[in-house]
N, C-alpha and C. Protein backbone atom coordinates (compact mmCIF):
# COMPACT_ATOMS: atom_id res chain seq x y z
N MET A 1 -19.79 52.40 8.25
CA MET A 1 -19.63 50.97 8.17
C MET A 1 -19.86 50.54 6.73
N ALA A 2 -19.03 49.67 6.23
CA ALA A 2 -19.10 49.26 4.83
C ALA A 2 -20.20 48.22 4.64
N ASP A 3 -20.89 48.31 3.52
CA ASP A 3 -21.93 47.35 3.17
C ASP A 3 -21.29 46.18 2.43
N LEU A 4 -21.29 45.00 3.06
CA LEU A 4 -20.62 43.84 2.49
C LEU A 4 -21.54 43.02 1.59
N THR A 5 -22.83 43.35 1.55
CA THR A 5 -23.76 42.55 0.76
C THR A 5 -23.84 43.01 -0.68
N HIS A 6 -23.50 44.24 -0.97
CA HIS A 6 -23.56 44.74 -2.34
C HIS A 6 -22.16 45.09 -2.80
N SER A 7 -21.86 44.72 -4.05
CA SER A 7 -20.53 45.06 -4.57
C SER A 7 -20.62 46.31 -5.42
N ASP A 8 -19.58 47.05 -5.40
CA ASP A 8 -19.49 48.27 -6.18
C ASP A 8 -19.10 47.91 -7.60
N PRO A 9 -19.89 48.30 -8.62
CA PRO A 9 -19.57 47.93 -10.00
C PRO A 9 -18.23 48.51 -10.47
N SER A 10 -17.78 49.54 -9.82
CA SER A 10 -16.52 50.14 -10.25
C SER A 10 -15.31 49.39 -9.67
N SER A 11 -15.56 48.43 -8.76
CA SER A 11 -14.43 47.70 -8.18
C SER A 11 -13.91 46.69 -9.20
N ASP A 12 -12.76 46.14 -8.92
CA ASP A 12 -12.15 45.21 -9.86
C ASP A 12 -12.50 43.76 -9.51
N ALA A 13 -13.63 43.51 -8.85
CA ALA A 13 -14.01 42.16 -8.47
C ALA A 13 -14.28 41.30 -9.70
N GLY A 14 -14.81 41.86 -10.74
CA GLY A 14 -15.09 41.11 -11.96
C GLY A 14 -13.85 40.92 -12.81
N ASN A 15 -12.79 41.65 -12.52
CA ASN A 15 -11.57 41.57 -13.32
C ASN A 15 -10.51 40.70 -12.67
N ARG A 16 -10.91 39.86 -11.75
CA ARG A 16 -9.94 38.98 -11.10
C ARG A 16 -9.33 38.03 -12.12
N MET A 17 -8.06 37.77 -11.92
CA MET A 17 -7.37 36.84 -12.82
C MET A 17 -7.80 35.42 -12.49
N LYS A 18 -8.02 34.64 -13.51
CA LYS A 18 -8.36 33.25 -13.29
C LYS A 18 -7.09 32.50 -12.94
N PRO A 19 -7.21 31.48 -12.07
CA PRO A 19 -6.01 30.74 -11.69
C PRO A 19 -5.43 29.98 -12.88
N ASN A 20 -4.15 29.85 -12.86
CA ASN A 20 -3.44 29.13 -13.90
C ASN A 20 -3.85 27.66 -13.85
N PRO A 21 -4.31 27.07 -14.97
CA PRO A 21 -4.76 25.68 -14.94
C PRO A 21 -3.65 24.70 -14.54
N VAL A 22 -2.43 25.01 -14.88
CA VAL A 22 -1.32 24.13 -14.50
C VAL A 22 -1.16 24.14 -12.99
N PHE A 23 -1.28 25.32 -12.39
CA PHE A 23 -1.18 25.42 -10.93
C PHE A 23 -2.31 24.67 -10.26
N VAL A 24 -3.51 24.78 -10.81
CA VAL A 24 -4.67 24.07 -10.25
C VAL A 24 -4.45 22.57 -10.34
N LEU A 25 -3.96 22.10 -11.49
CA LEU A 25 -3.70 20.67 -11.67
C LEU A 25 -2.62 20.19 -10.70
N LEU A 26 -1.56 20.95 -10.55
CA LEU A 26 -0.50 20.57 -9.63
C LEU A 26 -0.99 20.53 -8.19
N THR A 27 -1.86 21.46 -7.84
CA THR A 27 -2.42 21.48 -6.49
C THR A 27 -3.27 20.24 -6.23
N ILE A 28 -4.10 19.89 -7.20
CA ILE A 28 -4.96 18.71 -7.05
C ILE A 28 -4.10 17.45 -6.96
N LEU A 29 -3.11 17.35 -7.82
CA LEU A 29 -2.25 16.16 -7.81
C LEU A 29 -1.46 16.05 -6.51
N SER A 30 -0.99 17.19 -6.00
CA SER A 30 -0.20 17.14 -4.77
C SER A 30 -1.07 16.77 -3.57
N LYS A 31 -2.34 17.08 -3.62
CA LYS A 31 -3.23 16.75 -2.50
C LYS A 31 -3.77 15.33 -2.58
N THR A 32 -3.78 14.74 -3.78
CA THR A 32 -4.34 13.39 -3.91
C THR A 32 -3.28 12.33 -4.19
N LEU A 33 -2.47 12.54 -5.20
CA LEU A 33 -1.52 11.50 -5.60
C LEU A 33 -0.28 11.45 -4.72
N LEU A 34 0.19 12.57 -4.26
CA LEU A 34 1.41 12.58 -3.44
C LEU A 34 1.26 11.74 -2.16
N PRO A 35 0.17 11.90 -1.41
CA PRO A 35 0.02 11.03 -0.23
C PRO A 35 -0.07 9.55 -0.58
N ILE A 36 -0.66 9.22 -1.73
CA ILE A 36 -0.74 7.82 -2.14
C ILE A 36 0.66 7.29 -2.42
N PHE A 37 1.47 8.05 -3.15
CA PHE A 37 2.83 7.60 -3.46
C PHE A 37 3.69 7.49 -2.20
N VAL A 38 3.54 8.43 -1.30
CA VAL A 38 4.31 8.38 -0.05
C VAL A 38 3.91 7.14 0.76
N THR A 39 2.62 6.84 0.81
CA THR A 39 2.15 5.67 1.53
C THR A 39 2.67 4.38 0.89
N LEU A 40 2.60 4.29 -0.42
CA LEU A 40 3.08 3.09 -1.10
C LEU A 40 4.59 2.93 -0.95
N PHE A 41 5.33 4.03 -1.00
CA PHE A 41 6.77 3.96 -0.80
C PHE A 41 7.09 3.50 0.63
N GLY A 42 6.36 4.03 1.60
CA GLY A 42 6.55 3.62 2.99
C GLY A 42 6.21 2.16 3.20
N LEU A 43 5.16 1.68 2.54
CA LEU A 43 4.78 0.28 2.63
C LEU A 43 5.86 -0.61 2.01
N ALA A 44 6.40 -0.18 0.88
CA ALA A 44 7.49 -0.95 0.24
C ALA A 44 8.71 -0.99 1.15
N ALA A 45 9.06 0.15 1.74
CA ALA A 45 10.21 0.18 2.65
C ALA A 45 9.97 -0.70 3.87
N LEU A 46 8.77 -0.65 4.41
CA LEU A 46 8.44 -1.46 5.58
C LEU A 46 8.55 -2.95 5.28
N THR A 47 7.97 -3.39 4.16
CA THR A 47 8.03 -4.81 3.83
C THR A 47 9.46 -5.24 3.51
N PHE A 48 10.22 -4.38 2.85
CA PHE A 48 11.60 -4.74 2.52
C PHE A 48 12.43 -4.90 3.78
N PHE A 49 12.37 -3.92 4.67
CA PHE A 49 13.23 -3.97 5.84
C PHE A 49 12.77 -4.99 6.88
N ILE A 50 11.48 -5.27 6.94
CA ILE A 50 11.02 -6.35 7.82
C ILE A 50 11.56 -7.68 7.29
N GLY A 51 11.53 -7.85 5.98
CA GLY A 51 12.07 -9.07 5.40
C GLY A 51 13.55 -9.24 5.65
N ARG A 52 14.28 -8.13 5.73
CA ARG A 52 15.72 -8.20 5.99
C ARG A 52 16.03 -8.37 7.47
N MET A 53 15.09 -8.04 8.33
CA MET A 53 15.34 -8.14 9.77
C MET A 53 14.99 -9.52 10.33
N LEU A 54 14.31 -10.34 9.54
CA LEU A 54 13.94 -11.67 10.01
C LEU A 54 15.19 -12.50 10.28
N PRO A 55 15.16 -13.33 11.29
CA PRO A 55 16.35 -14.11 11.63
C PRO A 55 16.58 -15.32 10.70
N ILE A 56 15.86 -15.38 9.60
CA ILE A 56 15.99 -16.50 8.67
C ILE A 56 16.94 -16.10 7.54
N ASP A 57 17.90 -16.95 7.26
CA ASP A 57 18.82 -16.72 6.16
C ASP A 57 18.23 -17.35 4.90
N PRO A 58 17.83 -16.53 3.90
CA PRO A 58 17.19 -17.10 2.71
C PRO A 58 18.11 -18.05 1.94
N VAL A 59 19.40 -17.75 1.93
CA VAL A 59 20.33 -18.61 1.20
C VAL A 59 20.40 -19.98 1.87
N ALA A 60 20.50 -20.02 3.17
CA ALA A 60 20.55 -21.30 3.89
C ALA A 60 19.24 -22.06 3.76
N SER A 61 18.11 -21.34 3.71
CA SER A 61 16.83 -22.03 3.58
C SER A 61 16.65 -22.62 2.18
N ILE A 62 17.27 -22.01 1.17
CA ILE A 62 17.18 -22.54 -0.19
C ILE A 62 18.11 -23.75 -0.35
N LEU A 63 19.34 -23.60 0.10
CA LEU A 63 20.35 -24.64 -0.13
C LEU A 63 20.33 -25.76 0.89
N GLY A 64 19.83 -25.48 2.07
CA GLY A 64 19.83 -26.49 3.12
C GLY A 64 21.09 -26.40 3.96
N ASP A 65 21.16 -27.25 4.96
CA ASP A 65 22.27 -27.23 5.92
C ASP A 65 23.54 -27.86 5.37
N ASN A 66 23.45 -28.70 4.37
CA ASN A 66 24.60 -29.44 3.88
C ASN A 66 25.31 -28.75 2.72
N ALA A 67 25.01 -27.49 2.45
CA ALA A 67 25.61 -26.78 1.32
C ALA A 67 27.06 -26.41 1.63
N THR A 68 27.87 -26.41 0.59
CA THR A 68 29.26 -26.01 0.76
C THR A 68 29.35 -24.49 0.84
N GLN A 69 30.46 -24.00 1.34
CA GLN A 69 30.67 -22.56 1.44
C GLN A 69 30.68 -21.92 0.06
N GLN A 70 31.23 -22.61 -0.94
CA GLN A 70 31.26 -22.07 -2.30
C GLN A 70 29.85 -21.96 -2.87
N ALA A 71 29.03 -22.97 -2.68
CA ALA A 71 27.64 -22.93 -3.16
C ALA A 71 26.86 -21.83 -2.44
N TYR A 72 27.13 -21.68 -1.15
CA TYR A 72 26.48 -20.63 -0.36
C TYR A 72 26.81 -19.24 -0.93
N GLU A 73 28.09 -19.00 -1.20
CA GLU A 73 28.51 -17.69 -1.73
C GLU A 73 27.96 -17.45 -3.13
N GLN A 74 27.92 -18.49 -3.96
CA GLN A 74 27.36 -18.33 -5.31
C GLN A 74 25.88 -17.97 -5.25
N MET A 75 25.13 -18.62 -4.38
CA MET A 75 23.70 -18.31 -4.25
C MET A 75 23.50 -16.92 -3.66
N ARG A 76 24.35 -16.54 -2.74
CA ARG A 76 24.27 -15.20 -2.14
C ARG A 76 24.48 -14.12 -3.20
N VAL A 77 25.44 -14.33 -4.09
CA VAL A 77 25.69 -13.39 -5.19
C VAL A 77 24.53 -13.42 -6.18
N ALA A 78 24.01 -14.61 -6.48
CA ALA A 78 22.90 -14.73 -7.43
C ALA A 78 21.65 -14.01 -6.93
N LEU A 79 21.43 -14.01 -5.62
CA LEU A 79 20.27 -13.32 -5.04
C LEU A 79 20.52 -11.83 -4.84
N GLY A 80 21.76 -11.39 -5.03
CA GLY A 80 22.09 -9.97 -4.86
C GLY A 80 22.29 -9.57 -3.42
N MET A 81 22.49 -10.54 -2.55
CA MET A 81 22.63 -10.22 -1.13
C MET A 81 24.04 -9.78 -0.77
N ASP A 82 24.94 -9.77 -1.75
CA ASP A 82 26.29 -9.28 -1.51
C ASP A 82 26.38 -7.77 -1.71
N LYS A 83 25.34 -7.17 -2.25
CA LYS A 83 25.29 -5.73 -2.52
C LYS A 83 24.87 -4.98 -1.26
N PRO A 84 25.15 -3.66 -1.21
CA PRO A 84 24.71 -2.86 -0.06
C PRO A 84 23.18 -2.85 0.06
N LEU A 85 22.70 -2.59 1.26
CA LEU A 85 21.27 -2.61 1.53
C LEU A 85 20.51 -1.58 0.70
N TRP A 86 21.07 -0.39 0.52
CA TRP A 86 20.39 0.65 -0.27
C TRP A 86 20.24 0.20 -1.73
N TYR A 87 21.23 -0.51 -2.26
CA TYR A 87 21.17 -1.00 -3.63
C TYR A 87 20.09 -2.09 -3.74
N GLN A 88 20.04 -2.98 -2.76
CA GLN A 88 19.02 -4.03 -2.75
C GLN A 88 17.62 -3.42 -2.70
N PHE A 89 17.46 -2.36 -1.91
CA PHE A 89 16.16 -1.69 -1.83
C PHE A 89 15.80 -1.06 -3.17
N GLY A 90 16.78 -0.47 -3.85
CA GLY A 90 16.52 0.10 -5.17
C GLY A 90 16.08 -0.95 -6.17
N VAL A 91 16.72 -2.10 -6.15
CA VAL A 91 16.32 -3.20 -7.03
C VAL A 91 14.91 -3.68 -6.68
N TYR A 92 14.61 -3.72 -5.39
CA TYR A 92 13.28 -4.12 -4.91
C TYR A 92 12.20 -3.16 -5.41
N VAL A 93 12.44 -1.87 -5.28
CA VAL A 93 11.45 -0.87 -5.73
C VAL A 93 11.31 -0.91 -7.25
N LYS A 94 12.43 -1.05 -7.96
CA LYS A 94 12.37 -1.15 -9.42
C LYS A 94 11.55 -2.36 -9.84
N GLY A 95 11.71 -3.48 -9.15
CA GLY A 95 10.92 -4.67 -9.45
C GLY A 95 9.44 -4.45 -9.19
N ILE A 96 9.12 -3.76 -8.11
CA ILE A 96 7.71 -3.47 -7.81
C ILE A 96 7.11 -2.59 -8.90
N LEU A 97 7.83 -1.55 -9.30
CA LEU A 97 7.31 -0.62 -10.30
C LEU A 97 7.13 -1.27 -11.66
N SER A 98 7.94 -2.27 -11.97
CA SER A 98 7.81 -2.97 -13.25
C SER A 98 6.98 -4.25 -13.13
N LEU A 99 6.35 -4.45 -11.97
CA LEU A 99 5.52 -5.63 -11.68
C LEU A 99 6.30 -6.93 -11.83
N ASP A 100 7.61 -6.86 -11.58
CA ASP A 100 8.45 -8.05 -11.58
C ASP A 100 8.78 -8.36 -10.13
N PHE A 101 7.99 -9.25 -9.52
CA PHE A 101 8.14 -9.57 -8.12
C PHE A 101 9.10 -10.72 -7.88
N GLY A 102 9.70 -11.22 -8.95
CA GLY A 102 10.67 -12.30 -8.82
C GLY A 102 10.00 -13.64 -8.62
N ASN A 103 10.79 -14.58 -8.15
CA ASN A 103 10.30 -15.94 -7.90
C ASN A 103 10.26 -16.21 -6.40
N ALA A 104 9.31 -17.02 -6.00
CA ALA A 104 9.21 -17.41 -4.59
C ALA A 104 10.42 -18.25 -4.22
N LEU A 105 10.98 -17.99 -3.06
CA LEU A 105 12.17 -18.71 -2.64
C LEU A 105 11.88 -20.18 -2.35
N THR A 106 10.67 -20.47 -1.91
CA THR A 106 10.36 -21.85 -1.54
C THR A 106 9.95 -22.70 -2.73
N THR A 107 9.15 -22.16 -3.65
CA THR A 107 8.65 -22.94 -4.78
C THR A 107 9.40 -22.67 -6.08
N GLY A 108 9.99 -21.50 -6.21
CA GLY A 108 10.68 -21.14 -7.44
C GLY A 108 9.75 -20.63 -8.52
N LYS A 109 8.44 -20.60 -8.24
CA LYS A 109 7.47 -20.10 -9.22
C LYS A 109 7.38 -18.58 -9.12
N PRO A 110 6.98 -17.90 -10.21
CA PRO A 110 6.84 -16.44 -10.16
C PRO A 110 5.79 -16.01 -9.12
N VAL A 111 6.14 -15.00 -8.36
CA VAL A 111 5.26 -14.49 -7.31
C VAL A 111 3.99 -13.89 -7.92
N ILE A 112 4.10 -13.29 -9.09
CA ILE A 112 2.93 -12.66 -9.72
C ILE A 112 1.86 -13.71 -10.02
N ASP A 113 2.25 -14.96 -10.28
CA ASP A 113 1.26 -16.03 -10.49
C ASP A 113 0.48 -16.31 -9.21
N ASP A 114 1.18 -16.31 -8.08
CA ASP A 114 0.49 -16.51 -6.80
C ASP A 114 -0.45 -15.35 -6.49
N ILE A 115 0.00 -14.13 -6.79
CA ILE A 115 -0.85 -12.96 -6.56
C ILE A 115 -2.10 -13.04 -7.43
N ALA A 116 -1.92 -13.37 -8.71
CA ALA A 116 -3.06 -13.47 -9.62
C ALA A 116 -4.02 -14.57 -9.19
N ARG A 117 -3.51 -15.60 -8.57
CA ARG A 117 -4.36 -16.72 -8.13
C ARG A 117 -5.23 -16.32 -6.95
N VAL A 118 -4.69 -15.55 -5.99
CA VAL A 118 -5.45 -15.24 -4.77
C VAL A 118 -6.09 -13.86 -4.79
N PHE A 119 -5.76 -13.02 -5.77
CA PHE A 119 -6.30 -11.66 -5.79
C PHE A 119 -7.82 -11.60 -5.89
N PRO A 120 -8.47 -12.40 -6.76
CA PRO A 120 -9.95 -12.33 -6.80
C PRO A 120 -10.60 -12.63 -5.45
N ALA A 121 -10.08 -13.60 -4.73
CA ALA A 121 -10.65 -13.92 -3.41
C ALA A 121 -10.41 -12.77 -2.43
N THR A 122 -9.27 -12.11 -2.54
CA THR A 122 -8.98 -10.97 -1.67
C THR A 122 -9.97 -9.84 -1.92
N ILE A 123 -10.22 -9.53 -3.18
CA ILE A 123 -11.19 -8.48 -3.52
C ILE A 123 -12.58 -8.87 -3.03
N GLU A 124 -12.95 -10.13 -3.19
CA GLU A 124 -14.26 -10.58 -2.73
C GLU A 124 -14.41 -10.43 -1.22
N LEU A 125 -13.39 -10.81 -0.48
CA LEU A 125 -13.43 -10.65 0.98
C LEU A 125 -13.50 -9.19 1.38
N ALA A 126 -12.72 -8.35 0.73
CA ALA A 126 -12.74 -6.93 1.05
C ALA A 126 -14.11 -6.33 0.77
N HIS A 127 -14.74 -6.75 -0.32
CA HIS A 127 -16.07 -6.25 -0.65
C HIS A 127 -17.09 -6.71 0.38
N CYS A 128 -17.02 -7.97 0.77
CA CYS A 128 -17.96 -8.49 1.77
C CYS A 128 -17.81 -7.76 3.10
N ARG A 129 -16.56 -7.54 3.51
CA ARG A 129 -16.32 -6.85 4.78
C ARG A 129 -16.82 -5.42 4.73
N SER A 130 -16.55 -4.72 3.62
CA SER A 130 -16.94 -3.31 3.55
C SER A 130 -18.44 -3.15 3.39
N SER A 131 -19.10 -4.12 2.74
CA SER A 131 -20.54 -3.99 2.57
C SER A 131 -21.31 -4.41 3.82
N SER A 132 -20.70 -5.22 4.69
CA SER A 132 -21.41 -5.64 5.90
C SER A 132 -21.25 -4.64 7.04
N ALA A 133 -20.24 -3.82 7.01
CA ALA A 133 -19.98 -2.89 8.12
C ALA A 133 -21.09 -1.87 8.31
N PRO A 134 -21.61 -1.21 7.26
CA PRO A 134 -22.68 -0.23 7.52
C PRO A 134 -23.92 -0.84 8.11
N GLY A 135 -24.30 -2.05 7.67
CA GLY A 135 -25.48 -2.70 8.23
C GLY A 135 -25.33 -3.01 9.70
N LEU A 136 -24.15 -3.43 10.09
CA LEU A 136 -23.91 -3.73 11.50
C LEU A 136 -23.86 -2.46 12.34
N ALA A 137 -23.38 -1.38 11.74
CA ALA A 137 -23.29 -0.13 12.49
C ALA A 137 -24.67 0.46 12.76
N TYR A 138 -25.61 0.30 11.83
CA TYR A 138 -26.94 0.88 12.00
C TYR A 138 -27.91 -0.06 12.68
N GLN A 139 -27.60 -1.31 12.80
CA GLN A 139 -28.51 -2.29 13.35
C GLN A 139 -28.95 -1.96 14.77
N PRO A 140 -28.09 -1.55 15.69
CA PRO A 140 -28.55 -1.29 17.05
C PRO A 140 -29.57 -0.17 17.16
N ALA A 141 -29.59 0.73 16.21
CA ALA A 141 -30.52 1.85 16.28
C ALA A 141 -31.95 1.42 16.01
N TYR A 142 -32.14 0.29 15.34
CA TYR A 142 -33.48 -0.12 14.94
C TYR A 142 -33.99 -1.35 15.68
N SER A 143 -33.23 -1.88 16.61
CA SER A 143 -33.70 -3.06 17.32
C SER A 143 -33.20 -3.02 18.76
N ARG A 144 -33.53 -4.08 19.48
CA ARG A 144 -33.07 -4.17 20.86
C ARG A 144 -31.55 -4.24 20.90
N PRO A 145 -30.95 -3.66 21.90
CA PRO A 145 -29.49 -3.77 22.03
C PRO A 145 -29.07 -5.22 22.25
N CYS A 146 -28.00 -5.60 21.65
CA CYS A 146 -27.48 -6.96 21.78
C CYS A 146 -26.02 -6.85 22.16
N ILE A 147 -25.59 -7.69 23.06
CA ILE A 147 -24.21 -7.61 23.53
C ILE A 147 -23.22 -7.99 22.44
N ALA A 148 -23.63 -8.75 21.43
CA ALA A 148 -22.71 -9.20 20.38
C ALA A 148 -22.47 -8.14 19.31
N ILE A 149 -23.34 -7.14 19.20
CA ILE A 149 -23.22 -6.15 18.12
C ILE A 149 -21.90 -5.38 18.17
N PRO A 150 -21.45 -4.84 19.31
CA PRO A 150 -20.16 -4.14 19.28
C PRO A 150 -19.00 -5.02 18.81
N GLY A 151 -19.01 -6.28 19.18
CA GLY A 151 -17.97 -7.19 18.71
C GLY A 151 -18.05 -7.43 17.22
N LEU A 152 -19.27 -7.58 16.70
CA LEU A 152 -19.43 -7.77 15.26
C LEU A 152 -19.00 -6.54 14.48
N ILE A 153 -19.32 -5.37 15.00
CA ILE A 153 -18.91 -4.13 14.33
C ILE A 153 -17.39 -4.04 14.32
N THR A 154 -16.77 -4.36 15.43
CA THR A 154 -15.30 -4.33 15.49
C THR A 154 -14.70 -5.30 14.50
N LEU A 155 -15.23 -6.50 14.41
CA LEU A 155 -14.71 -7.48 13.47
C LEU A 155 -14.92 -7.07 12.01
N SER A 156 -16.05 -6.38 11.74
CA SER A 156 -16.34 -6.05 10.37
C SER A 156 -15.51 -4.88 9.86
N VAL A 157 -15.04 -4.01 10.73
CA VAL A 157 -14.28 -2.86 10.28
C VAL A 157 -12.80 -2.95 10.62
N SER A 158 -12.40 -4.00 11.32
CA SER A 158 -10.98 -4.13 11.67
C SER A 158 -10.22 -4.67 10.47
N PRO A 159 -8.94 -4.26 10.31
CA PRO A 159 -8.16 -4.76 9.19
C PRO A 159 -7.85 -6.24 9.36
N GLY A 160 -7.70 -6.92 8.24
CA GLY A 160 -7.32 -8.33 8.29
C GLY A 160 -8.46 -9.16 8.11
């Protein structure tokens, strides 16, 4: 029976080749960044196609009911809605990657201004929710059981 606790000095265990640093870097990146990019791409596709599936016509909502057919077609071309869906999605992704979210259809103001306005409050809420969840999860272990605790835990860790 072989002794697995002691190594033979004549073996080539000390002469093992070190892994290629490029391979190690690619492995780390593929395990961390690739899932993030796939998730973000899926989220972009989901939001784009949900927006296209809504029964609301953006051109009609901008121009109103009394618009002429010529004005309707001009606005449709200006918004790029005359192009194929795959092309529109490409323009959408390109805009996201360049942080050009366009203008809001209802107000005409840049969307990035609205995001910048509400983003600090969003981060604050996310921080409050994430910091309150551990306290609620451990609370029942140190005190009397309360019927409201499971509901509070659910609210503190649920999305939204």
